[in-house]
């Protein structure tokens, strides 16, 4: 014999779970959207290479690395 009557506590929890799920989906959508926008607006990839704080020959432009 199965219990068919749902207690009001279960109904409230279900509503809260849907709310938390929607908030989580929203945060994931925002992070994904920001990632896509940043990836599409990269332009020249050499601009992004400087963020790891190491010097690479590919980062030096014409005349920049020569000392006088």
PDB file of N, CA and C in Angstrom:
ATOM      1  N   UNK A   1       0.845  -1.165   0.000  1.00  0.00           N
ATOM      2  CA  UNK A   1       0.000   0.000   0.000  1.00  0.00           C
ATOM      3  C   UNK A   1       0.899   1.240   0.000  1.00  0.00           C
ATOM      4  N   UNK A   2       0.758   2.082  -1.006  1.00  0.00           N
ATOM      5  CA  UNK A   2       1.582   3.274  -1.158  1.00  0.00           C
ATOM      6  C   UNK A   2       0.915   4.475  -0.496  1.00  0.00           C
ATOM      7  N   UNK A   3       1.731   5.364   0.003  1.00  0.00           N
ATOM      8  CA  UNK A   3       1.224   6.603   0.591  1.00  0.00           C
ATOM      9  C   UNK A   3       1.017   7.593  -0.540  1.00  0.00           C
ATOM     10  N   UNK A   4      -0.201   8.063  -0.698  1.00  0.00           N
ATOM     11  CA  UNK A   4      -0.522   8.930  -1.828  1.00  0.00           C
ATOM     12  C   UNK A   4      -0.652  10.402  -1.426  1.00  0.00           C
ATOM     13  N   UNK A   5      -0.920  10.658  -0.191  1.00  0.00           N
ATOM     14  CA  UNK A   5      -1.121  12.041   0.247  1.00  0.00           C
ATOM     15  C   UNK A   5       0.246  12.691   0.447  1.00  0.00           C
ATOM     16  N   UNK A   6       0.456  13.815  -0.228  1.00  0.00           N
ATOM     17  CA  UNK A   6       1.724  14.543  -0.111  1.00  0.00           C
ATOM     18  C   UNK A   6       1.567  15.612   0.963  1.00  0.00           C
ATOM     19  N   UNK A   7       2.469  15.629   1.885  1.00  0.00           N
ATOM     20  CA  UNK A   7       2.418  16.603   2.970  1.00  0.00           C
ATOM     21  C   UNK A   7       2.775  17.982   2.430  1.00  0.00           C
ATOM     22  N   UNK A   8       2.285  19.028   3.074  1.00  0.00           N
ATOM     23  CA  UNK A   8       2.555  20.391   2.597  1.00  0.00           C
ATOM     24  C   UNK A   8       4.036  20.751   2.710  1.00  0.00           C
ATOM     25  N   UNK A   9       4.754  20.087   3.585  1.00  0.00           N
ATOM     26  CA  UNK A   9       6.193  20.306   3.702  1.00  0.00           C
ATOM     27  C   UNK A   9       6.909  19.900   2.411  1.00  0.00           C
ATOM     28  N   UNK A  10       6.465  18.783   1.819  1.00  0.00           N
ATOM     29  CA  UNK A  10       7.062  18.343   0.564  1.00  0.00           C
ATOM     30  C   UNK A  10       6.784  19.337  -0.558  1.00  0.00           C
ATOM     31  N   UNK A  11       5.622  19.925  -0.552  1.00  0.00           N
ATOM     32  CA  UNK A  11       5.263  20.915  -1.575  1.00  0.00           C
ATOM     33  C   UNK A  11       6.145  22.153  -1.448  1.00  0.00           C
ATOM     34  N   UNK A  12       6.363  22.598  -0.208  1.00  0.00           N
ATOM     35  CA  UNK A  12       7.230  23.771  -0.011  1.00  0.00           C
ATOM     36  C   UNK A  12       8.658  23.470  -0.408  1.00  0.00           C
ATOM     37  N   UNK A  13       9.149  22.301  -0.035  1.00  0.00           N
ATOM     38  CA  UNK A  13      10.521  21.931  -0.401  1.00  0.00           C
ATOM     39  C   UNK A  13      10.682  21.837  -1.906  1.00  0.00           C
ATOM     40  N   UNK A  14       9.669  21.302  -2.574  1.00  0.00           N
ATOM     41  CA  UNK A  14       9.726  21.180  -4.026  1.00  0.00           C
ATOM     42  C   UNK A  14       9.817  22.573  -4.669  1.00  0.00           C
ATOM     43  N   UNK A  15       9.051  23.507  -4.141  1.00  0.00           N
ATOM     44  CA  UNK A  15       9.105  24.880  -4.652  1.00  0.00           C
ATOM     45  C   UNK A  15      10.469  25.514  -4.422  1.00  0.00           C
ATOM     46  N   UNK A  16      11.046  25.296  -3.263  1.00  0.00           N
ATOM     47  CA  UNK A  16      12.377  25.831  -2.972  1.00  0.00           C
ATOM     48  C   UNK A  16      13.431  25.178  -3.860  1.00  0.00           C
ATOM     49  N   UNK A  17      13.291  23.875  -4.072  1.00  0.00           N
ATOM     50  CA  UNK A  17      14.243  23.178  -4.937  1.00  0.00           C
ATOM     51  C   UNK A  17      14.182  23.720  -6.366  1.00  0.00           C
ATOM     52  N   UNK A  18      12.982  23.991  -6.856  1.00  0.00           N
ATOM     53  CA  UNK A  18      12.866  24.583  -8.196  1.00  0.00           C
ATOM     54  C   UNK A  18      13.521  25.965  -8.226  1.00  0.00           C
ATOM     55  N   UNK A  19      13.326  26.738  -7.176  1.00  0.00           N
ATOM     56  CA  UNK A  19      13.940  28.072  -7.112  1.00  0.00           C
ATOM     57  C   UNK A  19      15.453  28.001  -7.101  1.00  0.00           C
ATOM     58  N   UNK A  20      16.016  27.114  -6.293  1.00  0.00           N
ATOM     59  CA  UNK A  20      17.466  26.950  -6.233  1.00  0.00           C
ATOM     60  C   UNK A  20      17.995  26.443  -7.575  1.00  0.00           C
ATOM     61  N   UNK A  21      17.259  25.544  -8.198  1.00  0.00           N
ATOM     62  CA  UNK A  21      17.655  25.044  -9.516  1.00  0.00           C
ATOM     63  C   UNK A  21      17.665  26.144 -10.561  1.00  0.00           C
ATOM     64  N   UNK A  22      16.665  27.015 -10.527  1.00  0.00           N
ATOM     65  CA  UNK A  22      16.626  28.142 -11.472  1.00  0.00           C
ATOM     66  C   UNK A  22      17.773  29.118 -11.228  1.00  0.00           C
ATOM     67  N   UNK A  23      18.078  29.391  -9.957  1.00  0.00           N
ATOM     68  CA  UNK A  23      19.204  30.271  -9.653  1.00  0.00           C
ATOM     69  C   UNK A  23      20.529  29.668 -10.123  1.00  0.00           C
ATOM     70  N   UNK A  24      20.702  28.380  -9.896  1.00  0.00           N
ATOM     71  CA  UNK A  24      21.911  27.703 -10.339  1.00  0.00           C
ATOM     72  C   UNK A  24      22.026  27.730 -11.859  1.00  0.00           C
ATOM     73  N   UNK A  25      20.931  27.475 -12.555  1.00  0.00           N
ATOM     74  CA  UNK A  25      20.939  27.534 -14.019  1.00  0.00           C
ATOM     75  C   UNK A  25      21.250  28.954 -14.500  1.00  0.00           C
ATOM     76  N   UNK A  26      20.748  29.960 -13.799  1.00  0.00           N
ATOM     77  CA  UNK A  26      21.030  31.339 -14.161  1.00  0.00           C
ATOM     78  C   UNK A  26      22.500  31.688 -14.006  1.00  0.00           C
ATOM     79  N   UNK A  27      23.107  31.259 -12.914  1.00  0.00           N
ATOM     80  CA  UNK A  27      24.532  31.528 -12.693  1.00  0.00           C
ATOM     81  C   UNK A  27      25.372  30.823 -13.757  1.00  0.00           C
ATOM     82  N   UNK A  28      25.014  29.587 -14.068  1.00  0.00           N
ATOM     83  CA  UNK A  28      25.739  28.856 -15.097  1.00  0.00           C
ATOM     84  C   UNK A  28      25.590  29.552 -16.449  1.00  0.00           C
ATOM     85  N   UNK A  29      24.400  30.031 -16.757  1.00  0.00           N
ATOM     86  CA  UNK A  29      24.174  30.735 -18.022  1.00  0.00           C
ATOM     87  C   UNK A  29      24.986  32.026 -18.092  1.00  0.00           C
ATOM     88  N   UNK A  30      25.091  32.756 -16.992  1.00  0.00           N
ATOM     89  CA  UNK A  30      25.875  33.997 -16.976  1.00  0.00           C
ATOM     90  C   UNK A  30      27.348  33.696 -17.195  1.00  0.00           C
ATOM     91  N   UNK A  31      27.880  32.709 -16.500  1.00  0.00           N
ATOM     92  CA  UNK A  31      29.297  32.353 -16.657  1.00  0.00           C
ATOM     93  C   UNK A  31      29.567  31.868 -18.075  1.00  0.00           C
ATOM     94  N   UNK A  32      28.681  31.047 -18.616  1.00  0.00           N
ATOM     95  CA  UNK A  32      28.854  30.557 -19.981  1.00  0.00           C
ATOM     96  C   UNK A  32      28.786  31.710 -20.976  1.00  0.00           C
ATOM     97  N   UNK A  33      27.835  32.622 -20.773  1.00  0.00           N
ATOM     98  CA  UNK A  33      27.706  33.777 -21.667  1.00  0.00           C
ATOM     99  C   UNK A  33      28.947  34.657 -21.636  1.00  0.00           C
ATOM    100  N   UNK A  34      29.472  34.931 -20.448  1.00  0.00           N
ATOM    101  CA  UNK A  34      30.685  35.732 -20.341  1.00  0.00           C
ATOM    102  C   UNK A  34      31.873  35.050 -21.014  1.00  0.00           C
ATOM    103  N   UNK A  35      31.950  33.732 -20.884  1.00  0.00           N
ATOM    104  CA  UNK A  35      33.029  32.982 -21.523  1.00  0.00           C
ATOM    105  C   UNK A  35      32.931  33.063 -23.032  1.00  0.00           C
ATOM    106  N   UNK A  36      31.738  32.925 -23.571  1.00  0.00           N
ATOM    107  CA  UNK A  36      31.546  32.998 -25.018  1.00  0.00           C
ATOM    108  C   UNK A  36      31.875  34.392 -25.529  1.00  0.00           C
ATOM    109  N   UNK A  37      31.410  35.423 -24.844  1.00  0.00           N
ATOM    110  CA  UNK A  37      31.679  36.790 -25.275  1.00  0.00           C
ATOM    111  C   UNK A  37      33.173  37.086 -25.231  1.00  0.00           C
ATOM    112  N   UNK A  38      33.845  36.650 -24.183  1.00  0.00           N
ATOM    113  CA  UNK A  38      35.282  36.886 -24.080  1.00  0.00           C
ATOM    114  C   UNK A  38      36.029  36.139 -25.173  1.00  0.00           C
ATOM    115  N   UNK A  39      35.612  34.919 -25.476  1.00  0.00           N
ATOM    116  CA  UNK A  39      36.278  34.135 -26.517  1.00  0.00           C
ATOM    117  C   UNK A  39      36.064  34.748 -27.891  1.00  0.00           C
ATOM    118  N   UNK A  40      34.899  35.314 -28.134  1.00  0.00           N
ATOM    119  CA  UNK A  40      34.622  35.906 -29.442  1.00  0.00           C
ATOM    120  C   UNK A  40      35.296  37.257 -29.624  1.00  0.00           C
ATOM    121  N   UNK A  41      35.596  37.960 -28.538  1.00  0.00           N
ATOM    122  CA  UNK A  41      36.204  39.286 -28.620  1.00  0.00           C
ATOM    123  C   UNK A  41      37.706  39.269 -28.404  1.00  0.00           C
ATOM    124  N   UNK A  42      38.341  38.114 -28.518  1.00  0.00           N
ATOM    125  CA  UNK A  42      39.778  38.031 -28.263  1.00  0.00           C
ATOM    126  C   UNK A  42      40.583  38.874 -29.248  1.00  0.00           C
ATOM    127  N   UNK A  43      40.271  38.768 -30.518  1.00  0.00           N
ATOM    128  CA  UNK A  43      41.054  39.488 -31.509  1.00  0.00           C
ATOM    129  C   UNK A  43      42.422  38.869 -31.657  1.00  0.00           C
ATOM    130  N   UNK A  44      43.457  39.617 -31.328  1.00  0.00           N
ATOM    131  CA  UNK A  44      44.831  39.140 -31.433  1.00  0.00           C
ATOM    132  C   UNK A  44      45.168  38.315 -30.199  1.00  0.00           C
ATOM    133  N   UNK A  45      45.526  37.065 -30.402  1.00  0.00           N
ATOM    134  CA  UNK A  45      45.785  36.154 -29.283  1.00  0.00           C
ATOM    135  C   UNK A  45      47.033  36.575 -28.505  1.00  0.00           C
ATOM    136  N   UNK A  46      47.939  37.321 -29.127  1.00  0.00           N
ATOM    137  CA  UNK A  46      49.150  37.745 -28.419  1.00  0.00           C
ATOM    138  C   UNK A  46      48.837  38.682 -27.265  1.00  0.00           C
ATOM    139  N   UNK A  47      47.702  39.351 -27.295  1.00  0.00           N
ATOM    140  CA  UNK A  47      47.315  40.218 -26.184  1.00  0.00           C
ATOM    141  C   UNK A  47      47.017  39.395 -24.926  1.00  0.00           C
ATOM    142  N   UNK A  48      46.519  38.188 -25.094  1.00  0.00           N
ATOM    143  CA  UNK A  48      46.171  37.356 -23.958  1.00  0.00           C
ATOM    144  C   UNK A  48      47.374  36.607 -23.386  1.00  0.00           C
ATOM    145  N   UNK A  49      48.469  36.516 -24.117  1.00  0.00           N
ATOM    146  CA  UNK A  49      49.628  35.768 -23.645  1.00  0.00           C
ATOM    147  C   UNK A  49      50.327  36.438 -22.474  1.00  0.00           C
ATOM    148  N   UNK A  50      50.158  37.721 -22.293  1.00  0.00           N
ATOM    149  CA  UNK A  50      50.862  38.428 -21.242  1.00  0.00           C
ATOM    150  C   UNK A  50      50.323  38.198 -19.851  1.00  0.00           C
ATOM    151  N   UNK A  51      49.209  37.503 -19.709  1.00  0.00           N
ATOM    152  CA  UNK A  51      48.587  37.331 -18.411  1.00  0.00           C
ATOM    153  C   UNK A  51      49.265  36.287 -17.540  1.00  0.00           C
ATOM    154  N   UNK A  52      50.187  35.485 -18.099  1.00  0.00           N
ATOM    155  CA  UNK A  52      50.835  34.476 -17.267  1.00  0.00           C
ATOM    156  C   UNK A  52      52.182  34.971 -16.725  1.00  0.00           C
ATOM    157  N   UNK A  53      52.536  36.238 -16.950  1.00  0.00           N
ATOM    158  CA  UNK A  53      53.697  36.907 -16.370  1.00  0.00           C
ATOM    159  C   UNK A  53      55.028  36.260 -16.747  1.00  0.00           C
ATOM    160  N   UNK A  54      55.096  35.707 -17.942  1.00  0.00           N
ATOM    161  CA  UNK A  54      56.358  35.188 -18.445  1.00  0.00           C
ATOM    162  C   UNK A  54      56.669  35.874 -19.766  1.00  0.00           C
ATOM    163  N   UNK A  55      57.948  36.012 -20.036  1.00  0.00           N
ATOM    164  CA  UNK A  55      58.371  36.662 -21.270  1.00  0.00           C
ATOM    165  C   UNK A  55      58.598  35.609 -22.346  1.00  0.00           C
ATOM    166  N   UNK A  56      57.980  35.831 -23.505  1.00  0.00           N
ATOM    167  CA  UNK A  56      58.150  34.930 -24.632  1.00  0.00           C
ATOM    168  C   UNK A  56      58.517  35.753 -25.858  1.00  0.00           C
ATOM    169  N   UNK A  57      59.364  35.213 -26.719  1.00  0.00           N
ATOM    170  CA  UNK A  57      59.748  35.959 -27.927  1.00  0.00           C
ATOM    171  C   UNK A  57      58.555  36.320 -28.809  1.00  0.00           C
ATOM    172  N   UNK A  58      57.510  35.523 -28.808  1.00  0.00           N
ATOM    173  CA  UNK A  58      56.341  35.812 -29.626  1.00  0.00           C
ATOM    174  C   UNK A  58      55.577  37.035 -29.164  1.00  0.00           C
ATOM    175  N   UNK A  59      55.806  37.449 -27.909  1.00  0.00           N
ATOM    176  CA  UNK A  59      55.092  38.606 -27.376  1.00  0.00           C
ATOM    177  C   UNK A  59      55.776  39.929 -27.748  1.00  0.00           C
ATOM    178  N   UNK A  60      57.062  39.877 -28.059  1.00  0.00           N
ATOM    179  CA  UNK A  60      57.798  41.103 -28.335  1.00  0.00           C
ATOM    180  C   UNK A  60      57.510  41.547 -29.762  1.00  0.00           C
ATOM    181  N   UNK A  61      57.084  42.789 -29.893  1.00  0.00           N
ATOM    182  CA  UNK A  61      56.773  43.333 -31.220  1.00  0.00           C
ATOM    183  C   UNK A  61      58.028  43.959 -31.827  1.00  0.00           C
ATOM    184  N   UNK A  62      57.929  44.381 -33.043  1.00  0.00           N
ATOM    185  CA  UNK A  62      59.033  44.965 -33.802  1.00  0.00           C
ATOM    186  C   UNK A  62      59.624  46.180 -33.065  1.00  0.00           C
ATOM    187  N   UNK A  63      60.905  46.145 -32.741  1.00  0.00           N
ATOM    188  CA  UNK A  63      61.597  47.262 -32.120  1.00  0.00           C
ATOM    189  C   UNK A  63      61.386  47.385 -30.619  1.00  0.00           C
ATOM    190  N   UNK A  64      60.576  46.573 -30.043  1.00  0.00           N
ATOM    191  CA  UNK A  64      60.285  46.694 -28.619  1.00  0.00           C
ATOM    192  C   UNK A  64      61.377  46.073 -27.759  1.00  0.00           C
ATOM    193  N   UNK A  65      61.982  44.982 -28.193  1.00  0.00           N
ATOM    194  CA  UNK A  65      62.953  44.255 -27.389  1.00  0.00           C
ATOM    195  C   UNK A  65      64.374  44.708 -27.570  1.00  0.00           C
ATOM    196  N   UNK A  66      64.620  45.708 -28.407  1.00  0.00           N
ATOM    197  CA  UNK A  66      65.994  46.153 -28.662  1.00  0.00           C
ATOM    198  C   UNK A  66      66.377  47.262 -27.706  1.00  0.00           C
ATOM    199  N   UNK A  67      67.519  47.102 -27.059  1.00  0.00           N
ATOM    200  CA  UNK A  67      68.010  48.152 -26.164  1.00  0.00           C
ATOM    201  C   UNK A  67      68.988  49.037 -26.921  1.00  0.00           C
ATOM    202  N   UNK A  68      69.153  50.276 -26.470  1.00  0.00           N
ATOM    203  CA  UNK A  68      70.008  51.229 -27.180  1.00  0.00           C
ATOM    204  C   UNK A  68      71.357  51.331 -26.560  1.00  0.00           C
TER     205      UNK A  68
END
